[in-house]
């Protein structure tokens, strides 16, 4: 799939194309500027978890979802 088709299928992505669509919880925490424990708790919520996929015992967080998810948790 070429980049134009990929972008159309996924919508607007806020990161450059060399950044993967999904990253480990540890890498997602680094990108968001939060601790591993915070990102892990976001991924493990029963309701309202950060968008992720499960691959075996590993969770992979959708990179494009990190900014909006973090912004929704900001204190006013």
C-alpha atoms as a PDB file:
ATOM      1  CA  UNK A   1       0.000   0.000   0.000  1.00  0.00           C
ATOM      2  CA  UNK A   2       1.472   3.378  -0.959  1.00  0.00           C
ATOM      3  CA  UNK A   3       1.656   6.278   1.519  1.00  0.00           C
ATOM      4  CA  UNK A   4      -1.262   8.185   0.001  1.00  0.00           C
ATOM      5  CA  UNK A   5      -3.576   5.185   0.208  1.00  0.00           C
ATOM      6  CA  UNK A   6      -2.375   4.409   3.734  1.00  0.00           C
ATOM      7  CA  UNK A   7      -2.980   7.987   4.901  1.00  0.00           C
ATOM      8  CA  UNK A   8      -6.459   8.024   3.339  1.00  0.00           C
ATOM      9  CA  UNK A   9      -7.332   4.767   5.074  1.00  0.00           C
ATOM     10  CA  UNK A  10      -6.067   5.908   8.457  1.00  0.00           C
ATOM     11  CA  UNK A  11      -7.011   9.577   8.403  1.00  0.00           C
ATOM     12  CA  UNK A  12      -4.604  12.339   9.306  1.00  0.00           C
ATOM     13  CA  UNK A  13      -1.645  11.129  11.322  1.00  0.00           C
ATOM     14  CA  UNK A  14       0.215  13.660  13.463  1.00  0.00           C
ATOM     15  CA  UNK A  15       3.571  11.884  13.204  1.00  0.00           C
ATOM     16  CA  UNK A  16       6.019  11.454  10.341  1.00  0.00           C
ATOM     17  CA  UNK A  17       5.619   8.268   8.289  1.00  0.00           C
ATOM     18  CA  UNK A  18       8.756   6.673   9.773  1.00  0.00           C
ATOM     19  CA  UNK A  19       7.045   6.484  13.190  1.00  0.00           C
ATOM     20  CA  UNK A  20       5.190   3.187  13.544  1.00  0.00           C
ATOM     21  CA  UNK A  21       1.408   3.076  13.931  1.00  0.00           C
ATOM     22  CA  UNK A  22       1.701   1.149  17.216  1.00  0.00           C
ATOM     23  CA  UNK A  23       4.429   1.143  19.864  1.00  0.00           C
ATOM     24  CA  UNK A  24       5.078  -0.627  23.143  1.00  0.00           C
ATOM     25  CA  UNK A  25       3.670   0.797  26.366  1.00  0.00           C
ATOM     26  CA  UNK A  26       7.191   1.878  27.348  1.00  0.00           C
ATOM     27  CA  UNK A  27       7.736   3.770  24.070  1.00  0.00           C
ATOM     28  CA  UNK A  28       4.244   5.302  24.236  1.00  0.00           C
ATOM     29  CA  UNK A  29       5.077   6.593  27.724  1.00  0.00           C
ATOM     30  CA  UNK A  30       8.263   8.202  26.371  1.00  0.00           C
ATOM     31  CA  UNK A  31       6.371   9.838  23.499  1.00  0.00           C
ATOM     32  CA  UNK A  32       3.679  11.173  25.844  1.00  0.00           C
ATOM     33  CA  UNK A  33       6.155  12.334  28.461  1.00  0.00           C
ATOM     34  CA  UNK A  34       4.520  10.294  31.210  1.00  0.00           C
ATOM     35  CA  UNK A  35       5.773   7.445  33.360  1.00  0.00           C
ATOM     36  CA  UNK A  36       5.549   3.810  32.316  1.00  0.00           C
ATOM     37  CA  UNK A  37       3.109   3.236  35.200  1.00  0.00           C
ATOM     38  CA  UNK A  38       0.795   5.993  33.961  1.00  0.00           C
ATOM     39  CA  UNK A  39       0.755   4.697  30.385  1.00  0.00           C
ATOM     40  CA  UNK A  40       0.289   1.149  31.625  1.00  0.00           C
ATOM     41  CA  UNK A  41      -2.713   2.208  33.712  1.00  0.00           C
ATOM     42  CA  UNK A  42      -4.181   4.015  30.677  1.00  0.00           C
ATOM     43  CA  UNK A  43      -3.827   0.828  28.608  1.00  0.00           C
ATOM     44  CA  UNK A  44      -5.209  -1.433  31.337  1.00  0.00           C
ATOM     45  CA  UNK A  45      -8.409   0.509  32.093  1.00  0.00           C
ATOM     46  CA  UNK A  46     -11.541  -1.592  31.830  1.00  0.00           C
ATOM     47  CA  UNK A  47     -13.449   1.384  30.416  1.00  0.00           C
ATOM     48  CA  UNK A  48     -11.886   4.239  28.470  1.00  0.00           C
ATOM     49  CA  UNK A  49      -8.489   2.675  27.810  1.00  0.00           C
ATOM     50  CA  UNK A  50      -6.092   4.342  25.401  1.00  0.00           C
ATOM     51  CA  UNK A  51      -6.534   2.761  21.954  1.00  0.00           C
ATOM     52  CA  UNK A  52      -4.263  -0.275  21.728  1.00  0.00           C
ATOM     53  CA  UNK A  53      -4.030  -3.798  20.406  1.00  0.00           C
ATOM     54  CA  UNK A  54      -2.985  -6.866  22.321  1.00  0.00           C
ATOM     55  CA  UNK A  55      -0.346  -9.116  20.806  1.00  0.00           C
ATOM     56  CA  UNK A  56      -0.034 -12.108  23.082  1.00  0.00           C
ATOM     57  CA  UNK A  57       0.781 -10.680  26.514  1.00  0.00           C
ATOM     58  CA  UNK A  58       2.073  -7.423  25.043  1.00  0.00           C
ATOM     59  CA  UNK A  59       0.000  -4.271  24.502  1.00  0.00           C
ATOM     60  CA  UNK A  60       0.786  -1.948  21.613  1.00  0.00           C
ATOM     61  CA  UNK A  61      -0.526   1.621  21.851  1.00  0.00           C
ATOM     62  CA  UNK A  62      -1.738   3.508  18.751  1.00  0.00           C
ATOM     63  CA  UNK A  63       0.679   6.449  18.376  1.00  0.00           C
ATOM     64  CA  UNK A  64      -1.873   8.748  16.715  1.00  0.00           C
ATOM     65  CA  UNK A  65      -4.205   8.372  19.720  1.00  0.00           C
ATOM     66  CA  UNK A  66      -1.672   9.533  22.333  1.00  0.00           C
ATOM     67  CA  UNK A  67      -2.067  13.354  21.981  1.00  0.00           C
ATOM     68  CA  UNK A  68      -5.876  13.398  22.204  1.00  0.00           C
ATOM     69  CA  UNK A  69      -5.981  10.824  24.982  1.00  0.00           C
ATOM     70  CA  UNK A  70      -3.438  12.749  27.064  1.00  0.00           C
ATOM     71  CA  UNK A  71      -5.188  16.088  26.385  1.00  0.00           C
ATOM     72  CA  UNK A  72      -8.482  14.632  27.617  1.00  0.00           C
ATOM     73  CA  UNK A  73      -6.802  13.930  30.955  1.00  0.00           C
ATOM     74  CA  UNK A  74      -5.425  17.446  31.456  1.00  0.00           C
ATOM     75  CA  UNK A  75      -6.518  19.373  34.519  1.00  0.00           C
ATOM     76  CA  UNK A  76      -8.426  22.501  33.584  1.00  0.00           C
END
